[in-house]
Amino acid sequence: MKNTDIVALSTAELQGKLKEEKDVLNKLKLNHSISPLENPIKIRDSRKSVARVSTELTKRNKASK
């Protein structure tokens, strides 16, 4: 996801998206440990997506205080 898409989401949607992205990342890591993925760059992209969503949630929490 791009940052513009992430900023447009509500806080509740961001929390759901974070859980979903973490699940995807864990599945990718597990699958990669069993047998190598065709495109291991997906792991990096997924990790960055988790970080983007997490950063936006943290920014919103600090702004609300």
PDB file of N, CA and C in Angstrom:
ATOM      1  N   MET A   1       0.837  -1.182   0.000  1.00  0.00           N
ATOM      2  CA  MET A   1       0.000   0.000   0.000  1.00  0.00           C
ATOM      3  C   MET A   1       0.882   1.245   0.000  1.00  0.00           C
ATOM      4  N   LYS A   2       0.361   2.259  -0.623  1.00  0.00           N
ATOM      5  CA  LYS A   2       1.063   3.524  -0.636  1.00  0.00           C
ATOM      6  C   LYS A   2       0.647   4.341   0.578  1.00  0.00           C
ATOM      7  N   ASN A   3       1.486   5.311   0.932  1.00  0.00           N
ATOM      8  CA  ASN A   3       1.196   6.143   2.099  1.00  0.00           C
ATOM      9  C   ASN A   3      -0.105   6.915   1.935  1.00  0.00           C
ATOM     10  N   THR A   4      -0.420   7.345   0.723  1.00  0.00           N
ATOM     11  CA  THR A   4      -1.663   8.093   0.518  1.00  0.00           C
ATOM     12  C   THR A   4      -2.875   7.221   0.802  1.00  0.00           C
ATOM     13  N   ASP A   5      -2.786   5.933   0.466  1.00  0.00           N
ATOM     14  CA  ASP A   5      -3.876   5.007   0.758  1.00  0.00           C
ATOM     15  C   ASP A   5      -4.005   4.782   2.262  1.00  0.00           C
ATOM     16  N   ILE A   6      -2.881   4.702   2.931  1.00  0.00           N
ATOM     17  CA  ILE A   6      -2.874   4.432   4.375  1.00  0.00           C
ATOM     18  C   ILE A   6      -3.450   5.614   5.143  1.00  0.00           C
ATOM     19  N   VAL A   7      -3.087   6.817   4.757  1.00  0.00           N
ATOM     20  CA  VAL A   7      -3.572   8.021   5.452  1.00  0.00           C
ATOM     21  C   VAL A   7      -5.081   8.160   5.297  1.00  0.00           C
ATOM     22  N   ALA A   8      -5.632   7.687   4.187  1.00  0.00           N
ATOM     23  CA  ALA A   8      -7.059   7.818   3.924  1.00  0.00           C
ATOM     24  C   ALA A   8      -7.905   6.885   4.788  1.00  0.00           C
ATOM     25  N   LEU A   9      -7.312   5.843   5.350  1.00  0.00           N
ATOM     26  CA  LEU A   9      -8.068   4.879   6.149  1.00  0.00           C
ATOM     27  C   LEU A   9      -8.329   5.413   7.551  1.00  0.00           C
ATOM     28  N   SER A  10      -9.397   4.910   8.176  1.00  0.00           N
ATOM     29  CA  SER A  10      -9.691   5.287   9.559  1.00  0.00           C
ATOM     30  C   SER A  10      -8.793   4.483  10.500  1.00  0.00           C
ATOM     31  N   THR A  11      -8.779   4.856  11.746  1.00  0.00           N
ATOM     32  CA  THR A  11      -7.921   4.186  12.725  1.00  0.00           C
ATOM     33  C   THR A  11      -8.324   2.724  12.898  1.00  0.00           C
ATOM     34  N   ALA A  12      -9.614   2.456  12.939  1.00  0.00           N
ATOM     35  CA  ALA A  12     -10.075   1.072  13.090  1.00  0.00           C
ATOM     36  C   ALA A  12      -9.679   0.235  11.876  1.00  0.00           C
ATOM     37  N   GLU A  13      -9.796   0.820  10.695  1.00  0.00           N
ATOM     38  CA  GLU A  13      -9.397   0.106   9.485  1.00  0.00           C
ATOM     39  C   GLU A  13      -7.896  -0.150   9.470  1.00  0.00           C
ATOM     40  N   LEU A  14      -7.124   0.818   9.991  1.00  0.00           N
ATOM     41  CA  LEU A  14      -5.675   0.647  10.052  1.00  0.00           C
ATOM     42  C   LEU A  14      -5.294  -0.496  10.992  1.00  0.00           C
ATOM     43  N   GLN A  15      -5.987  -0.606  12.109  1.00  0.00           N
ATOM     44  CA  GLN A  15      -5.695  -1.689  13.038  1.00  0.00           C
ATOM     45  C   GLN A  15      -5.995  -3.040  12.411  1.00  0.00           C
ATOM     46  N   GLY A  16      -7.087  -3.129  11.683  1.00  0.00           N
ATOM     47  CA  GLY A  16      -7.420  -4.360  10.976  1.00  0.00           C
ATOM     48  C   GLY A  16      -6.415  -4.669   9.886  1.00  0.00           C
ATOM     49  N   LYS A  17      -5.998  -3.635   9.167  1.00  0.00           N
ATOM     50  CA  LYS A  17      -5.017  -3.810   8.091  1.00  0.00           C
ATOM     51  C   LYS A  17      -3.674  -4.249   8.656  1.00  0.00           C
ATOM     52  N   LEU A  18      -3.300  -3.727   9.816  1.00  0.00           N
ATOM     53  CA  LEU A  18      -2.042  -4.115  10.448  1.00  0.00           C
ATOM     54  C   LEU A  18      -2.055  -5.589  10.807  1.00  0.00           C
ATOM     55  N   LYS A  19      -3.150  -6.059  11.374  1.00  0.00           N
ATOM     56  CA  LYS A  19      -3.268  -7.476  11.728  1.00  0.00           C
ATOM     57  C   LYS A  19      -3.186  -8.335  10.469  1.00  0.00           C
ATOM     58  N   GLU A  20      -3.876  -7.914   9.431  1.00  0.00           N
ATOM     59  CA  GLU A  20      -3.885  -8.654   8.165  1.00  0.00           C
ATOM     60  C   GLU A  20      -2.480  -8.714   7.548  1.00  0.00           C
ATOM     61  N   GLU A  21      -1.778  -7.594   7.546  1.00  0.00           N
ATOM     62  CA  GLU A  21      -0.433  -7.538   6.962  1.00  0.00           C
ATOM     63  C   GLU A  21       0.550  -8.387   7.763  1.00  0.00           C
ATOM     64  N   LYS A  22       0.412  -8.387   9.092  1.00  0.00           N
ATOM     65  CA  LYS A  22       1.290  -9.219   9.922  1.00  0.00           C
ATOM     66  C   LYS A  22       1.044 -10.699   9.652  1.00  0.00           C
ATOM     67  N   ASP A  23      -0.215 -11.082   9.462  1.00  0.00           N
ATOM     68  CA  ASP A  23      -0.530 -12.470   9.132  1.00  0.00           C
ATOM     69  C   ASP A  23       0.091 -12.880   7.803  1.00  0.00           C
ATOM     70  N   VAL A  24      -0.009 -11.993   6.818  1.00  0.00           N
ATOM     71  CA  VAL A  24       0.577 -12.275   5.504  1.00  0.00           C
ATOM     72  C   VAL A  24       2.089 -12.432   5.618  1.00  0.00           C
ATOM     73  N   LEU A  25       2.713 -11.551   6.386  1.00  0.00           N
ATOM     74  CA  LEU A  25       4.166 -11.609   6.563  1.00  0.00           C
ATOM     75  C   LEU A  25       4.584 -12.919   7.224  1.00  0.00           C
ATOM     76  N   ASN A  26       3.851 -13.331   8.259  1.00  0.00           N
ATOM     77  CA  ASN A  26       4.179 -14.581   8.938  1.00  0.00           C
ATOM     78  C   ASN A  26       4.030 -15.781   8.008  1.00  0.00           C
ATOM     79  N   LYS A  27       2.987 -15.784   7.187  1.00  0.00           N
ATOM     80  CA  LYS A  27       2.794 -16.879   6.237  1.00  0.00           C
ATOM     81  C   LYS A  27       3.912 -16.918   5.205  1.00  0.00           C
ATOM     82  N   LEU A  28       4.318 -15.746   4.719  1.00  0.00           N
ATOM     83  CA  LEU A  28       5.399 -15.696   3.752  1.00  0.00           C
ATOM     84  C   LEU A  28       6.703 -16.226   4.347  1.00  0.00           C
ATOM     85  N   LYS A  29       6.985 -15.830   5.584  1.00  0.00           N
ATOM     86  CA  LYS A  29       8.204 -16.296   6.244  1.00  0.00           C
ATOM     87  C   LYS A  29       8.186 -17.809   6.443  1.00  0.00           C
ATOM     88  N   LEU A  30       7.050 -18.322   6.858  1.00  0.00           N
ATOM     89  CA  LEU A  30       6.921 -19.758   7.079  1.00  0.00           C
ATOM     90  C   LEU A  30       7.098 -20.523   5.772  1.00  0.00           C
ATOM     91  N   ASN A  31       6.413 -20.064   4.726  1.00  0.00           N
ATOM     92  CA  ASN A  31       6.535 -20.717   3.431  1.00  0.00           C
ATOM     93  C   ASN A  31       7.955 -20.645   2.894  1.00  0.00           C
ATOM     94  N   HIS A  32       8.637 -19.546   3.139  1.00  0.00           N
ATOM     95  CA  HIS A  32       9.998 -19.385   2.656  1.00  0.00           C
ATOM     96  C   HIS A  32      10.966 -20.295   3.414  1.00  0.00           C
ATOM     97  N   SER A  33      10.691 -20.547   4.674  1.00  0.00           N
ATOM     98  CA  SER A  33      11.575 -21.428   5.442  1.00  0.00           C
ATOM     99  C   SER A  33      11.403 -22.884   5.026  1.00  0.00           C
ATOM    100  N   ILE A  34      10.208 -23.252   4.587  1.00  0.00           N
ATOM    101  CA  ILE A  34       9.953 -24.620   4.146  1.00  0.00           C
ATOM    102  C   ILE A  34      10.534 -24.849   2.755  1.00  0.00           C
ATOM    103  N   SER A  35      10.171 -23.994   1.836  1.00  0.00           N
ATOM    104  CA  SER A  35      10.729 -24.072   0.488  1.00  0.00           C
ATOM    105  C   SER A  35      10.881 -22.651  -0.033  1.00  0.00           C
ATOM    106  N   PRO A  36      11.961 -22.350  -0.712  1.00  0.00           N
ATOM    107  CA  PRO A  36      12.207 -20.968  -1.153  1.00  0.00           C
ATOM    108  C   PRO A  36      11.088 -20.430  -2.045  1.00  0.00           C
ATOM    109  N   LEU A  37      10.738 -19.191  -1.800  1.00  0.00           N
ATOM    110  CA  LEU A  37       9.730 -18.522  -2.614  1.00  0.00           C
ATOM    111  C   LEU A  37      10.320 -18.171  -3.977  1.00  0.00           C
ATOM    112  N   GLU A  38       9.442 -18.093  -4.975  1.00  0.00           N
ATOM    113  CA  GLU A  38       9.899 -17.668  -6.292  1.00  0.00           C
ATOM    114  C   GLU A  38      10.378 -16.228  -6.256  1.00  0.00           C
ATOM    115  N   ASN A  39       9.701 -15.413  -5.477  1.00  0.00           N
ATOM    116  CA  ASN A  39      10.042 -14.000  -5.391  1.00  0.00           C
ATOM    117  C   ASN A  39      10.181 -13.601  -3.915  1.00  0.00           C
ATOM    118  N   PRO A  40      11.379 -13.734  -3.340  1.00  0.00           N
ATOM    119  CA  PRO A  40      11.549 -13.394  -1.921  1.00  0.00           C
ATOM    120  C   PRO A  40      11.420 -11.903  -1.630  1.00  0.00           C
ATOM    121  N   ILE A  41      11.348 -11.078  -2.655  1.00  0.00           N
ATOM    122  CA  ILE A  41      11.144  -9.646  -2.456  1.00  0.00           C
ATOM    123  C   ILE A  41       9.781  -9.377  -1.821  1.00  0.00           C
ATOM    124  N   LYS A  42       8.843 -10.313  -1.967  1.00  0.00           N
ATOM    125  CA  LYS A  42       7.522 -10.160  -1.361  1.00  0.00           C
ATOM    126  C   LYS A  42       7.629 -10.027   0.154  1.00  0.00           C
ATOM    127  N   ILE A  43       8.595 -10.717   0.750  1.00  0.00           N
ATOM    128  CA  ILE A  43       8.789 -10.630   2.205  1.00  0.00           C
ATOM    129  C   ILE A  43       9.175  -9.205   2.583  1.00  0.00           C
ATOM    130  N   ARG A  44      10.096  -8.628   1.845  1.00  0.00           N
ATOM    131  CA  ARG A  44      10.543  -7.273   2.137  1.00  0.00           C
ATOM    132  C   ARG A  44       9.402  -6.276   1.952  1.00  0.00           C
ATOM    133  N   ASP A  45       8.641  -6.421   0.871  1.00  0.00           N
ATOM    134  CA  ASP A  45       7.517  -5.521   0.622  1.00  0.00           C
ATOM    135  C   ASP A  45       6.466  -5.626   1.720  1.00  0.00           C
ATOM    136  N   SER A  46       6.214  -6.836   2.169  1.00  0.00           N
ATOM    137  CA  SER A  46       5.235  -7.043   3.233  1.00  0.00           C
ATOM    138  C   SER A  46       5.718  -6.422   4.543  1.00  0.00           C
ATOM    139  N   ARG A  47       6.999  -6.586   4.838  1.00  0.00           N
ATOM    140  CA  ARG A  47       7.570  -6.011   6.056  1.00  0.00           C
ATOM    141  C   ARG A  47       7.473  -4.485   6.029  1.00  0.00           C
ATOM    142  N   LYS A  48       7.731  -3.894   4.878  1.00  0.00           N
ATOM    143  CA  LYS A  48       7.641  -2.442   4.757  1.00  0.00           C
ATOM    144  C   LYS A  48       6.197  -1.957   4.886  1.00  0.00           C
ATOM    145  N   SER A  49       5.274  -2.738   4.387  1.00  0.00           N
ATOM    146  CA  SER A  49       3.871  -2.382   4.504  1.00  0.00           C
ATOM    147  C   SER A  49       3.431  -2.387   5.966  1.00  0.00           C
ATOM    148  N   VAL A  50       3.882  -3.384   6.715  1.00  0.00           N
ATOM    149  CA  VAL A  50       3.588  -3.446   8.154  1.00  0.00           C
ATOM    150  C   VAL A  50       4.153  -2.204   8.834  1.00  0.00           C
ATOM    151  N   ALA A  51       5.353  -1.824   8.486  1.00  0.00           N
ATOM    152  CA  ALA A  51       5.995  -0.664   9.103  1.00  0.00           C
ATOM    153  C   ALA A  51       5.243   0.623   8.772  1.00  0.00           C
ATOM    154  N   ARG A  52       4.782   0.755   7.542  1.00  0.00           N
ATOM    155  CA  ARG A  52       4.046   1.965   7.153  1.00  0.00           C
ATOM    156  C   ARG A  52       2.750   2.103   7.942  1.00  0.00           C
ATOM    157  N   VAL A  53       2.015   1.017   8.055  1.00  0.00           N
ATOM    158  CA  VAL A  53       0.741   1.054   8.789  1.00  0.00           C
ATOM    159  C   VAL A  53       1.000   1.316  10.267  1.00  0.00           C
ATOM    160  N   SER A  54       1.996   0.672  10.813  1.00  0.00           N
ATOM    161  CA  SER A  54       2.331   0.859  12.223  1.00  0.00           C
ATOM    162  C   SER A  54       2.757   2.302  12.501  1.00  0.00           C
ATOM    163  N   THR A  55       3.525   2.870  11.607  1.00  0.00           N
ATOM    164  CA  THR A  55       3.971   4.254  11.762  1.00  0.00           C
ATOM    165  C   THR A  55       2.793   5.214  11.748  1.00  0.00           C
ATOM    166  N   GLU A  56       1.856   4.991  10.851  1.00  0.00           N
ATOM    167  CA  GLU A  56       0.674   5.863  10.782  1.00  0.00           C
ATOM    168  C   GLU A  56      -0.161   5.744  12.056  1.00  0.00           C
ATOM    169  N   LEU A  57      -0.313   4.534  12.581  1.00  0.00           N
ATOM    170  CA  LEU A  57      -1.060   4.361  13.834  1.00  0.00           C
ATOM    171  C   LEU A  57      -0.371   5.082  14.984  1.00  0.00           C
ATOM    172  N   THR A  58       0.945   4.986  15.064  1.00  0.00           N
ATOM    173  CA  THR A  58       1.693   5.652  16.110  1.00  0.00           C
ATOM    174  C   THR A  58       1.568   7.169  16.000  1.00  0.00           C
ATOM    175  N   LYS A  59       1.626   7.659  14.769  1.00  0.00           N
ATOM    176  CA  LYS A  59       1.488   9.094  14.539  1.00  0.00           C
ATOM    177  C   LYS A  59       0.129   9.596  14.979  1.00  0.00           C
ATOM    178  N   ARG A  60      -0.910   8.823  14.688  1.00  0.00           N
ATOM    179  CA  ARG A  60      -2.257   9.225  15.102  1.00  0.00           C
ATOM    180  C   ARG A  60      -2.431   9.166  16.615  1.00  0.00           C
ATOM    181  N   ASN A  61      -1.846   8.171  17.259  1.00  0.00           N
ATOM    182  CA  ASN A  61      -1.946   8.062  18.711  1.00  0.00           C
ATOM    183  C   ASN A  61      -1.253   9.240  19.394  1.00  0.00           C
ATOM    184  N   LYS A  62      -0.118   9.648  18.883  1.00  0.00           N
ATOM    185  CA  LYS A  62       0.602  10.779  19.478  1.00  0.00           C
ATOM    186  C   LYS A  62      -0.137  12.098  19.237  1.00  0.00           C
ATOM    187  N   ALA A  63      -0.780  12.203  18.086  1.00  0.00           N
ATOM    188  CA  ALA A  63      -1.514  13.433  17.773  1.00  0.00           C
ATOM    189  C   ALA A  63      -2.764  13.571  18.632  1.00  0.00           C
ATOM    190  N   SER A  64      -3.353  12.458  19.024  1.00  0.00           N
ATOM    191  CA  SER A  64      -4.589  12.512  19.806  1.00  0.00           C
ATOM    192  C   SER A  64      -4.335  12.817  21.282  1.00  0.00           C
ATOM    193  N   LYS A  65      -3.106  12.678  21.724  1.00  0.00           N
ATOM    194  CA  LYS A  65      -2.803  12.920  23.141  1.00  0.00           C
ATOM    195  C   LYS A  65      -2.514  14.351  23.439  1.00  0.00           C
TER     196      LYS A  65
END
